[in-house]
Amino acid sequence: MVRHSSPFGGRYSRYVLSILLFGLLGPVVLSQWGVLYSFLSVLFAALITIGYDRLIFQIAKQKSTKIVREQCSLIVHAMKPGSERKGFLVITENFVLFAPNWNKIKTILDTEQIVRHEFNGHHVELTVRFPNKHRMFQFYVSSPERTKQMLTEKSGESLPYKYDKMESNKMV
């Protein structure tokens, strides 16, 4: 398995490789057999880059709309750090969902129950209040600014951590 410096590096390396191989090198090599093969190579490069991303975007949008029966307000590329499952973080009017690319949606969070949301670069940590406990969900998102703005709009301001007051009042 190839490791990347960014959680979304695989997508960008797919773009570069397909454009180089099928968009530039393919037409040069295939031009000796005909213009049609060169055109098909460029078309294949476009399908691998833009077409694949559009397809999984539409699948995630359709899955999330079907489950919660609400229109999507924001859909961003996301990844769960523990399982390294890639997909989309979908924010609707009342829910936050993680829609994995080729699996079922299992993470559905009510926006009224989100107590805190912390951002550290592309890392997002959501603290959700359940009846007997608080649980944390972590994601890497491709556009944290838009996600933070939408989470603040839908779930309200992030509450401070209860031990932050104790740490600031320590006498050292």
N, C-alpha and C. Protein backbone atom coordinates (compact mmCIF):
# COMPACT_ATOMS: atom_id res chain seq x y z
N MET A 1 0.84 -1.17 0.00
CA MET A 1 0.00 0.00 0.00
C MET A 1 0.89 1.24 0.00
N VAL A 2 0.57 2.18 -0.82
CA VAL A 2 1.35 3.41 -0.94
C VAL A 2 0.83 4.43 0.05
N ARG A 3 1.71 4.99 0.85
CA ARG A 3 1.33 6.03 1.81
C ARG A 3 1.56 7.40 1.18
N HIS A 4 0.68 8.33 1.50
CA HIS A 4 0.78 9.68 0.97
C HIS A 4 0.95 10.66 2.13
N SER A 5 1.44 11.85 1.82
CA SER A 5 1.63 12.85 2.85
C SER A 5 0.31 13.46 3.29
N SER A 6 -0.69 13.38 2.45
CA SER A 6 -2.01 13.92 2.74
C SER A 6 -3.02 12.79 2.67
N PRO A 7 -4.10 12.86 3.45
CA PRO A 7 -5.12 11.82 3.34
C PRO A 7 -5.78 11.78 1.96
N PHE A 8 -5.67 12.85 1.23
CA PHE A 8 -6.31 12.92 -0.08
C PHE A 8 -5.28 12.85 -1.20
N GLY A 9 -4.06 12.44 -0.88
CA GLY A 9 -2.99 12.35 -1.87
C GLY A 9 -3.24 11.31 -2.94
N GLY A 10 -3.95 10.25 -2.62
CA GLY A 10 -4.25 9.21 -3.60
C GLY A 10 -5.08 9.73 -4.74
N ARG A 11 -6.00 10.62 -4.43
CA ARG A 11 -6.84 11.20 -5.48
C ARG A 11 -6.00 12.05 -6.42
N TYR A 12 -5.10 12.83 -5.87
CA TYR A 12 -4.29 13.71 -6.71
C TYR A 12 -3.27 12.92 -7.52
N SER A 13 -2.72 11.86 -6.94
CA SER A 13 -1.79 11.04 -7.73
C SER A 13 -2.53 10.31 -8.85
N ARG A 14 -3.79 9.94 -8.63
CA ARG A 14 -4.59 9.34 -9.70
C ARG A 14 -4.80 10.34 -10.83
N TYR A 15 -5.04 11.61 -10.48
CA TYR A 15 -5.20 12.65 -11.49
C TYR A 15 -3.93 12.78 -12.34
N VAL A 16 -2.80 12.90 -11.65
CA VAL A 16 -1.53 13.13 -12.35
C VAL A 16 -1.18 11.95 -13.24
N LEU A 17 -1.30 10.74 -12.71
CA LEU A 17 -0.94 9.57 -13.50
C LEU A 17 -1.85 9.37 -14.71
N SER A 18 -3.13 9.56 -14.53
CA SER A 18 -4.04 9.35 -15.66
C SER A 18 -3.86 10.43 -16.73
N ILE A 19 -3.61 11.67 -16.31
CA ILE A 19 -3.39 12.72 -17.31
C ILE A 19 -2.07 12.50 -18.04
N LEU A 20 -1.04 12.10 -17.29
CA LEU A 20 0.25 11.85 -17.96
C LEU A 20 0.19 10.63 -18.88
N LEU A 21 -0.35 9.52 -18.39
CA LEU A 21 -0.36 8.29 -19.19
C LEU A 21 -1.36 8.35 -20.34
N PHE A 22 -2.61 8.66 -20.03
CA PHE A 22 -3.66 8.58 -21.05
C PHE A 22 -3.91 9.90 -21.76
N GLY A 23 -3.60 11.01 -21.10
CA GLY A 23 -3.86 12.31 -21.71
C GLY A 23 -2.71 12.82 -22.56
N LEU A 24 -1.48 12.55 -22.17
CA LEU A 24 -0.32 13.04 -22.92
C LEU A 24 0.44 11.94 -23.66
N LEU A 25 0.82 10.89 -22.92
CA LEU A 25 1.61 9.82 -23.52
C LEU A 25 0.77 8.95 -24.47
N GLY A 26 -0.47 8.69 -24.11
CA GLY A 26 -1.36 7.87 -24.93
C GLY A 26 -1.54 8.40 -26.34
N PRO A 27 -1.91 9.68 -26.52
CA PRO A 27 -2.07 10.19 -27.88
C PRO A 27 -0.78 10.17 -28.69
N VAL A 28 0.36 10.37 -28.03
CA VAL A 28 1.63 10.35 -28.77
C VAL A 28 1.91 8.94 -29.31
N VAL A 29 1.72 7.94 -28.45
CA VAL A 29 2.00 6.57 -28.86
C VAL A 29 0.94 6.05 -29.84
N LEU A 30 -0.32 6.37 -29.57
CA LEU A 30 -1.41 5.82 -30.37
C LEU A 30 -1.67 6.60 -31.66
N SER A 31 -1.01 7.72 -31.87
CA SER A 31 -1.25 8.52 -33.07
C SER A 31 -0.81 7.80 -34.35
N GLN A 32 0.10 6.85 -34.22
CA GLN A 32 0.55 6.13 -35.41
C GLN A 32 -0.52 5.18 -35.93
N TRP A 33 -1.49 4.77 -35.08
CA TRP A 33 -2.57 3.90 -35.53
C TRP A 33 -3.80 4.68 -35.96
N GLY A 34 -3.91 5.93 -35.54
CA GLY A 34 -5.05 6.73 -35.96
C GLY A 34 -5.43 7.77 -34.92
N VAL A 35 -6.16 8.74 -35.41
CA VAL A 35 -6.59 9.85 -34.56
C VAL A 35 -7.67 9.38 -33.58
N LEU A 36 -8.46 8.41 -33.99
CA LEU A 36 -9.52 7.91 -33.12
C LEU A 36 -8.96 7.31 -31.84
N TYR A 37 -7.88 6.55 -31.92
CA TYR A 37 -7.27 5.97 -30.73
C TYR A 37 -6.70 7.05 -29.82
N SER A 38 -6.15 8.09 -30.39
CA SER A 38 -5.64 9.21 -29.58
C SER A 38 -6.77 9.91 -28.85
N PHE A 39 -7.86 10.12 -29.56
CA PHE A 39 -9.03 10.75 -28.95
C PHE A 39 -9.60 9.88 -27.83
N LEU A 40 -9.68 8.56 -28.04
CA LEU A 40 -10.19 7.66 -27.02
C LEU A 40 -9.28 7.64 -25.79
N SER A 41 -7.99 7.79 -25.98
CA SER A 41 -7.06 7.84 -24.86
C SER A 41 -7.29 9.09 -24.01
N VAL A 42 -7.49 10.22 -24.64
CA VAL A 42 -7.78 11.47 -23.91
C VAL A 42 -9.13 11.37 -23.21
N LEU A 43 -10.11 10.77 -23.87
CA LEU A 43 -11.43 10.57 -23.27
C LEU A 43 -11.34 9.65 -22.05
N PHE A 44 -10.53 8.62 -22.14
CA PHE A 44 -10.34 7.71 -21.02
C PHE A 44 -9.67 8.42 -19.84
N ALA A 45 -8.73 9.30 -20.09
CA ALA A 45 -8.09 10.09 -19.03
C ALA A 45 -9.12 10.97 -18.33
N ALA A 46 -10.02 11.58 -19.10
CA ALA A 46 -11.06 12.41 -18.50
C ALA A 46 -12.03 11.59 -17.67
N LEU A 47 -12.35 10.38 -18.13
CA LEU A 47 -13.25 9.51 -17.38
C LEU A 47 -12.62 9.06 -16.06
N ILE A 48 -11.34 8.79 -16.06
CA ILE A 48 -10.67 8.34 -14.83
C ILE A 48 -10.59 9.48 -13.82
N THR A 49 -10.38 10.69 -14.26
CA THR A 49 -10.23 11.80 -13.32
C THR A 49 -11.59 12.37 -12.93
N ILE A 50 -12.23 13.03 -13.84
CA ILE A 50 -13.47 13.75 -13.54
C ILE A 50 -14.65 12.81 -13.40
N GLY A 51 -14.75 11.83 -14.26
CA GLY A 51 -15.90 10.93 -14.26
C GLY A 51 -16.01 10.10 -13.01
N TYR A 52 -14.90 9.54 -12.54
CA TYR A 52 -14.93 8.72 -11.34
C TYR A 52 -15.32 9.54 -10.12
N ASP A 53 -14.74 10.72 -9.96
CA ASP A 53 -15.09 11.57 -8.82
C ASP A 53 -16.54 12.00 -8.85
N ARG A 54 -17.03 12.32 -10.02
CA ARG A 54 -18.43 12.72 -10.15
C ARG A 54 -19.37 11.57 -9.83
N LEU A 55 -18.99 10.37 -10.24
CA LEU A 55 -19.81 9.19 -9.98
C LEU A 55 -19.92 8.91 -8.49
N ILE A 56 -18.80 8.88 -7.77
CA ILE A 56 -18.88 8.58 -6.34
C ILE A 56 -19.52 9.74 -5.57
N PHE A 57 -19.40 10.98 -6.07
CA PHE A 57 -20.08 12.12 -5.45
C PHE A 57 -21.59 11.94 -5.56
N GLN A 58 -22.07 11.57 -6.73
CA GLN A 58 -23.51 11.38 -6.92
C GLN A 58 -24.03 10.20 -6.12
N ILE A 59 -23.24 9.13 -6.01
CA ILE A 59 -23.66 7.97 -5.21
C ILE A 59 -23.78 8.37 -3.73
N ALA A 60 -22.81 9.12 -3.21
CA ALA A 60 -22.86 9.56 -1.81
C ALA A 60 -24.04 10.48 -1.57
N LYS A 61 -24.30 11.36 -2.50
CA LYS A 61 -25.43 12.28 -2.37
C LYS A 61 -26.75 11.53 -2.38
N GLN A 62 -26.86 10.55 -3.26
CA GLN A 62 -28.08 9.77 -3.36
C GLN A 62 -28.29 8.90 -2.12
N LYS A 63 -27.21 8.27 -1.61
CA LYS A 63 -27.32 7.44 -0.41
C LYS A 63 -27.77 8.26 0.79
N SER A 64 -27.16 9.42 0.98
CA SER A 64 -27.49 10.22 2.16
C SER A 64 -28.89 10.82 2.06
N THR A 65 -29.28 11.23 0.88
CA THR A 65 -30.64 11.76 0.70
C THR A 65 -31.68 10.68 0.94
N LYS A 66 -31.39 9.48 0.52
CA LYS A 66 -32.32 8.37 0.69
C LYS A 66 -32.48 7.99 2.17
N ILE A 67 -31.40 8.07 2.94
CA ILE A 67 -31.46 7.67 4.35
C ILE A 67 -32.18 8.70 5.21
N VAL A 68 -31.80 9.98 5.10
CA VAL A 68 -32.36 10.99 6.01
C VAL A 68 -33.50 11.78 5.40
N ARG A 69 -33.74 11.62 4.11
CA ARG A 69 -34.84 12.31 3.40
C ARG A 69 -34.75 13.83 3.53
N GLU A 70 -33.52 14.34 3.46
CA GLU A 70 -33.27 15.78 3.47
C GLU A 70 -32.26 16.11 2.38
N GLN A 71 -32.33 17.33 1.87
CA GLN A 71 -31.37 17.76 0.86
C GLN A 71 -30.02 18.04 1.53
N CYS A 72 -28.96 17.79 0.81
CA CYS A 72 -27.60 17.98 1.32
C CYS A 72 -27.23 19.46 1.25
N SER A 73 -26.73 20.00 2.36
CA SER A 73 -26.26 21.38 2.39
C SER A 73 -24.79 21.47 1.97
N LEU A 74 -24.00 20.47 2.38
CA LEU A 74 -22.57 20.46 2.09
C LEU A 74 -22.09 19.02 1.98
N ILE A 75 -21.29 18.77 0.95
CA ILE A 75 -20.65 17.46 0.77
C ILE A 75 -19.18 17.72 0.51
N VAL A 76 -18.30 17.18 1.38
CA VAL A 76 -16.86 17.34 1.20
C VAL A 76 -16.19 15.97 1.28
N HIS A 77 -15.07 15.83 0.61
CA HIS A 77 -14.28 14.60 0.70
C HIS A 77 -13.80 14.44 2.13
N ALA A 78 -13.89 13.22 2.64
CA ALA A 78 -13.49 12.96 4.02
C ALA A 78 -12.89 11.57 4.15
N MET A 79 -12.22 11.36 5.28
CA MET A 79 -11.64 10.06 5.58
C MET A 79 -11.70 9.84 7.09
N LYS A 80 -12.06 8.62 7.48
CA LYS A 80 -12.02 8.26 8.90
C LYS A 80 -10.63 7.77 9.23
N PRO A 81 -9.96 8.36 10.23
CA PRO A 81 -8.57 7.99 10.49
C PRO A 81 -8.37 6.57 11.01
N GLY A 82 -9.26 6.05 11.81
CA GLY A 82 -9.06 4.72 12.38
C GLY A 82 -9.12 3.62 11.34
N SER A 83 -10.17 3.61 10.56
CA SER A 83 -10.34 2.56 9.55
C SER A 83 -9.75 2.96 8.21
N GLU A 84 -9.33 4.22 8.09
CA GLU A 84 -8.82 4.78 6.84
C GLU A 84 -9.81 4.56 5.70
N ARG A 85 -11.08 4.67 6.01
CA ARG A 85 -12.13 4.53 5.01
C ARG A 85 -12.38 5.89 4.39
N LYS A 86 -12.34 5.96 3.07
CA LYS A 86 -12.55 7.22 2.37
C LYS A 86 -14.00 7.34 1.94
N GLY A 87 -14.46 8.58 1.90
CA GLY A 87 -15.83 8.85 1.51
C GLY A 87 -16.11 10.33 1.53
N PHE A 88 -17.32 10.67 1.96
CA PHE A 88 -17.76 12.05 2.00
C PHE A 88 -18.40 12.36 3.34
N LEU A 89 -18.14 13.55 3.85
CA LEU A 89 -18.85 14.05 5.02
C LEU A 89 -20.00 14.88 4.49
N VAL A 90 -21.21 14.46 4.80
CA VAL A 90 -22.42 15.09 4.26
C VAL A 90 -23.13 15.79 5.40
N ILE A 91 -23.42 17.06 5.21
CA ILE A 91 -24.15 17.84 6.22
C ILE A 91 -25.49 18.24 5.61
N THR A 92 -26.57 17.86 6.31
CA THR A 92 -27.92 18.25 5.89
C THR A 92 -28.46 19.23 6.93
N GLU A 93 -29.75 19.48 6.89
CA GLU A 93 -30.35 20.44 7.82
C GLU A 93 -30.27 19.94 9.26
N ASN A 94 -30.50 18.65 9.50
CA ASN A 94 -30.54 18.12 10.86
C ASN A 94 -29.53 17.01 11.14
N PHE A 95 -28.72 16.62 10.16
CA PHE A 95 -27.83 15.48 10.35
C PHE A 95 -26.46 15.73 9.75
N VAL A 96 -25.47 15.02 10.31
CA VAL A 96 -24.12 14.94 9.75
C VAL A 96 -23.87 13.46 9.51
N LEU A 97 -23.53 13.10 8.27
CA LEU A 97 -23.34 11.71 7.89
C LEU A 97 -21.95 11.51 7.32
N PHE A 98 -21.41 10.31 7.51
CA PHE A 98 -20.21 9.92 6.79
C PHE A 98 -20.63 8.84 5.80
N ALA A 99 -20.53 9.17 4.51
CA ALA A 99 -20.92 8.26 3.44
C ALA A 99 -19.67 7.67 2.82
N PRO A 100 -19.30 6.42 3.17
CA PRO A 100 -18.13 5.80 2.56
C PRO A 100 -18.36 5.56 1.07
N ASN A 101 -17.26 5.47 0.33
CA ASN A 101 -17.37 5.38 -1.13
C ASN A 101 -18.18 4.18 -1.60
N TRP A 102 -17.86 2.99 -1.16
CA TRP A 102 -18.52 1.81 -1.70
C TRP A 102 -19.16 0.94 -0.62
N ASN A 103 -19.44 1.50 0.55
CA ASN A 103 -20.06 0.75 1.64
C ASN A 103 -21.30 1.46 2.13
N LYS A 104 -21.99 0.83 3.07
CA LYS A 104 -23.20 1.42 3.63
C LYS A 104 -22.86 2.53 4.61
N ILE A 105 -23.79 3.46 4.76
CA ILE A 105 -23.64 4.56 5.72
C ILE A 105 -23.96 4.02 7.11
N LYS A 106 -23.01 4.17 8.04
CA LYS A 106 -23.21 3.71 9.40
C LYS A 106 -23.12 4.85 10.42
N THR A 107 -22.52 5.97 10.03
CA THR A 107 -22.35 7.09 10.95
C THR A 107 -23.34 8.19 10.60
N ILE A 108 -24.36 8.33 11.44
CA ILE A 108 -25.37 9.38 11.28
C ILE A 108 -25.47 10.10 12.61
N LEU A 109 -25.17 11.40 12.60
CA LEU A 109 -25.16 12.19 13.83
C LEU A 109 -26.20 13.30 13.72
N ASP A 110 -26.97 13.48 14.78
CA ASP A 110 -27.95 14.56 14.84
C ASP A 110 -27.22 15.86 15.18
N THR A 111 -27.49 16.93 14.44
CA THR A 111 -26.78 18.19 14.67
C THR A 111 -27.12 18.81 16.03
N GLU A 112 -28.29 18.51 16.57
CA GLU A 112 -28.64 19.05 17.88
C GLU A 112 -27.83 18.39 18.99
N GLN A 113 -27.32 17.20 18.75
CA GLN A 113 -26.55 16.48 19.77
C GLN A 113 -25.05 16.76 19.68
N ILE A 114 -24.60 17.49 18.66
CA ILE A 114 -23.18 17.81 18.55
C ILE A 114 -22.86 18.92 19.55
N VAL A 115 -22.00 18.59 20.50
CA VAL A 115 -21.67 19.52 21.57
C VAL A 115 -20.48 20.38 21.18
N ARG A 116 -19.44 19.73 20.63
CA ARG A 116 -18.22 20.44 20.27
C ARG A 116 -17.75 20.00 18.90
N HIS A 117 -17.09 20.93 18.23
CA HIS A 117 -16.38 20.58 17.00
C HIS A 117 -15.07 21.36 17.00
N GLU A 118 -13.98 20.60 16.93
CA GLU A 118 -12.64 21.19 16.93
C GLU A 118 -11.97 20.90 15.61
N PHE A 119 -11.23 21.88 15.12
CA PHE A 119 -10.52 21.75 13.86
C PHE A 119 -9.04 21.98 14.10
N ASN A 120 -8.22 21.08 13.57
CA ASN A 120 -6.78 21.21 13.62
C ASN A 120 -6.26 20.90 12.22
N GLY A 121 -6.15 21.91 11.41
CA GLY A 121 -5.80 21.69 10.01
C GLY A 121 -6.96 21.01 9.31
N HIS A 122 -6.70 19.86 8.72
CA HIS A 122 -7.76 19.11 8.04
C HIS A 122 -8.45 18.13 8.99
N HIS A 123 -7.98 18.02 10.21
CA HIS A 123 -8.53 17.08 11.18
C HIS A 123 -9.73 17.71 11.89
N VAL A 124 -10.85 17.00 11.89
CA VAL A 124 -12.07 17.47 12.55
C VAL A 124 -12.42 16.47 13.64
N GLU A 125 -12.71 16.99 14.82
CA GLU A 125 -13.12 16.14 15.93
C GLU A 125 -14.48 16.62 16.43
N LEU A 126 -15.47 15.75 16.33
CA LEU A 126 -16.83 16.07 16.76
C LEU A 126 -17.12 15.34 18.06
N THR A 127 -17.63 16.05 19.05
CA THR A 127 -18.06 15.44 20.31
C THR A 127 -19.58 15.46 20.31
N VAL A 128 -20.16 14.26 20.43
CA VAL A 128 -21.61 14.10 20.32
C VAL A 128 -22.14 13.57 21.65
N ARG A 129 -23.23 14.17 22.10
CA ARG A 129 -23.86 13.78 23.35
C ARG A 129 -24.89 12.69 23.08
N PHE A 130 -24.71 11.55 23.72
CA PHE A 130 -25.67 10.46 23.68
C PHE A 130 -26.34 10.37 25.04
N PRO A 131 -27.39 9.57 25.21
CA PRO A 131 -28.10 9.56 26.49
C PRO A 131 -27.22 9.30 27.72
N ASN A 132 -26.26 8.40 27.64
CA ASN A 132 -25.46 8.08 28.83
C ASN A 132 -24.02 8.50 28.75
N LYS A 133 -23.57 9.04 27.60
CA LYS A 133 -22.15 9.34 27.46
C LYS A 133 -21.93 10.33 26.33
N HIS A 134 -20.71 10.80 26.24
CA HIS A 134 -20.27 11.61 25.11
C HIS A 134 -19.32 10.76 24.28
N ARG A 135 -19.43 10.88 22.97
CA ARG A 135 -18.56 10.10 22.10
C ARG A 135 -17.92 11.02 21.08
N MET A 136 -16.66 10.72 20.74
CA MET A 136 -15.93 11.56 19.79
C MET A 136 -15.83 10.85 18.45
N PHE A 137 -16.03 11.62 17.39
CA PHE A 137 -15.87 11.13 16.03
C PHE A 137 -14.80 11.99 15.35
N GLN A 138 -13.88 11.34 14.66
CA GLN A 138 -12.78 12.06 14.02
C GLN A 138 -12.82 11.82 12.52
N PHE A 139 -12.54 12.88 11.78
CA PHE A 139 -12.50 12.82 10.33
C PHE A 139 -11.37 13.72 9.82
N TYR A 140 -10.89 13.42 8.63
CA TYR A 140 -10.07 14.34 7.87
C TYR A 140 -10.94 14.84 6.73
N VAL A 141 -11.06 16.16 6.59
CA VAL A 141 -11.89 16.72 5.53
C VAL A 141 -11.02 17.52 4.56
N SER A 142 -11.49 17.62 3.32
CA SER A 142 -10.69 18.32 2.30
C SER A 142 -10.83 19.83 2.41
N SER A 143 -11.95 20.35 2.88
CA SER A 143 -12.10 21.80 3.03
C SER A 143 -12.62 22.12 4.43
N PRO A 144 -11.71 22.32 5.39
CA PRO A 144 -12.14 22.54 6.77
C PRO A 144 -12.85 23.87 6.99
N GLU A 145 -12.56 24.90 6.20
CA GLU A 145 -13.20 26.20 6.40
C GLU A 145 -14.70 26.12 6.14
N ARG A 146 -15.07 25.52 5.02
CA ARG A 146 -16.49 25.39 4.69
C ARG A 146 -17.19 24.48 5.69
N THR A 147 -16.51 23.42 6.12
CA THR A 147 -17.10 22.50 7.07
C THR A 147 -17.33 23.18 8.42
N LYS A 148 -16.36 23.96 8.87
CA LYS A 148 -16.51 24.66 10.15
C LYS A 148 -17.66 25.67 10.09
N GLN A 149 -17.74 26.39 8.99
CA GLN A 149 -18.81 27.36 8.83
C GLN A 149 -20.18 26.68 8.84
N MET A 150 -20.31 25.56 8.14
CA MET A 150 -21.59 24.87 8.07
C MET A 150 -21.95 24.21 9.39
N LEU A 151 -20.96 23.65 10.10
CA LEU A 151 -21.24 23.05 11.41
C LEU A 151 -21.65 24.10 12.43
N THR A 152 -21.02 25.27 12.38
CA THR A 152 -21.40 26.35 13.29
C THR A 152 -22.81 26.82 12.99
N GLU A 153 -23.16 26.86 11.72
CA GLU A 153 -24.50 27.29 11.32
C GLU A 153 -25.56 26.28 11.73
N LYS A 154 -25.28 25.00 11.57
CA LYS A 154 -26.29 23.97 11.83
C LYS A 154 -26.37 23.55 13.29
N SER A 155 -25.22 23.41 13.98
CA SER A 155 -25.25 22.90 15.35
C SER A 155 -24.97 23.96 16.41
N GLY A 156 -24.65 25.17 16.00
CA GLY A 156 -24.36 26.22 16.96
C GLY A 156 -22.88 26.29 17.27
N GLU A 157 -22.52 27.22 18.16
CA GLU A 157 -21.12 27.39 18.54
C GLU A 157 -20.63 26.18 19.31
N SER A 158 -19.36 25.91 19.17
CA SER A 158 -18.73 24.79 19.85
C SER A 158 -18.54 25.14 21.32
N LEU A 159 -18.99 24.25 22.21
CA LEU A 159 -18.83 24.49 23.64
C LEU A 159 -17.40 24.17 24.06
N PRO A 160 -16.88 24.88 25.06
CA PRO A 160 -15.51 24.59 25.51
C PRO A 160 -15.46 23.27 26.26
N TYR A 161 -14.28 22.68 26.28
CA TYR A 161 -14.06 21.43 27.00
C TYR A 161 -14.11 21.72 28.49
N LYS A 162 -14.74 20.84 29.26
CA LYS A 162 -14.98 21.14 30.67
C LYS A 162 -13.69 21.23 31.48
N TYR A 163 -12.60 20.62 31.04
CA TYR A 163 -11.36 20.67 31.80
C TYR A 163 -10.47 21.83 31.37
N ASP A 164 -10.87 22.61 30.37
CA ASP A 164 -10.08 23.77 29.96
C ASP A 164 -10.01 24.80 31.07
N LYS A 165 -11.09 24.98 31.82
CA LYS A 165 -11.11 25.95 32.92
C LYS A 165 -10.15 25.53 34.01
N MET A 166 -10.10 24.24 34.30
CA MET A 166 -9.21 23.76 35.36
C MET A 166 -7.76 23.94 34.97
N GLU A 167 -7.42 23.70 33.72
CA GLU A 167 -6.03 23.86 33.27
C GLU A 167 -5.61 25.32 33.29
N SER A 168 -6.51 26.24 32.98
CA SER A 168 -6.14 27.65 32.99
C SER A 168 -6.04 28.22 34.39
N ASN A 169 -6.71 27.60 35.36
CA ASN A 169 -6.67 28.09 36.74
C ASN A 169 -5.56 27.47 37.57
N LYS A 170 -4.76 26.58 36.99
CA LYS A 170 -3.67 25.94 37.74
C LYS A 170 -2.64 26.98 38.16
N MET A 171 -2.17 26.85 39.38
CA MET A 171 -1.09 27.70 39.87
C MET A 171 0.21 26.94 39.77
N VAL A 172 1.08 27.36 38.89
CA VAL A 172 2.35 26.65 38.68
C VAL A 172 3.48 27.49 39.19
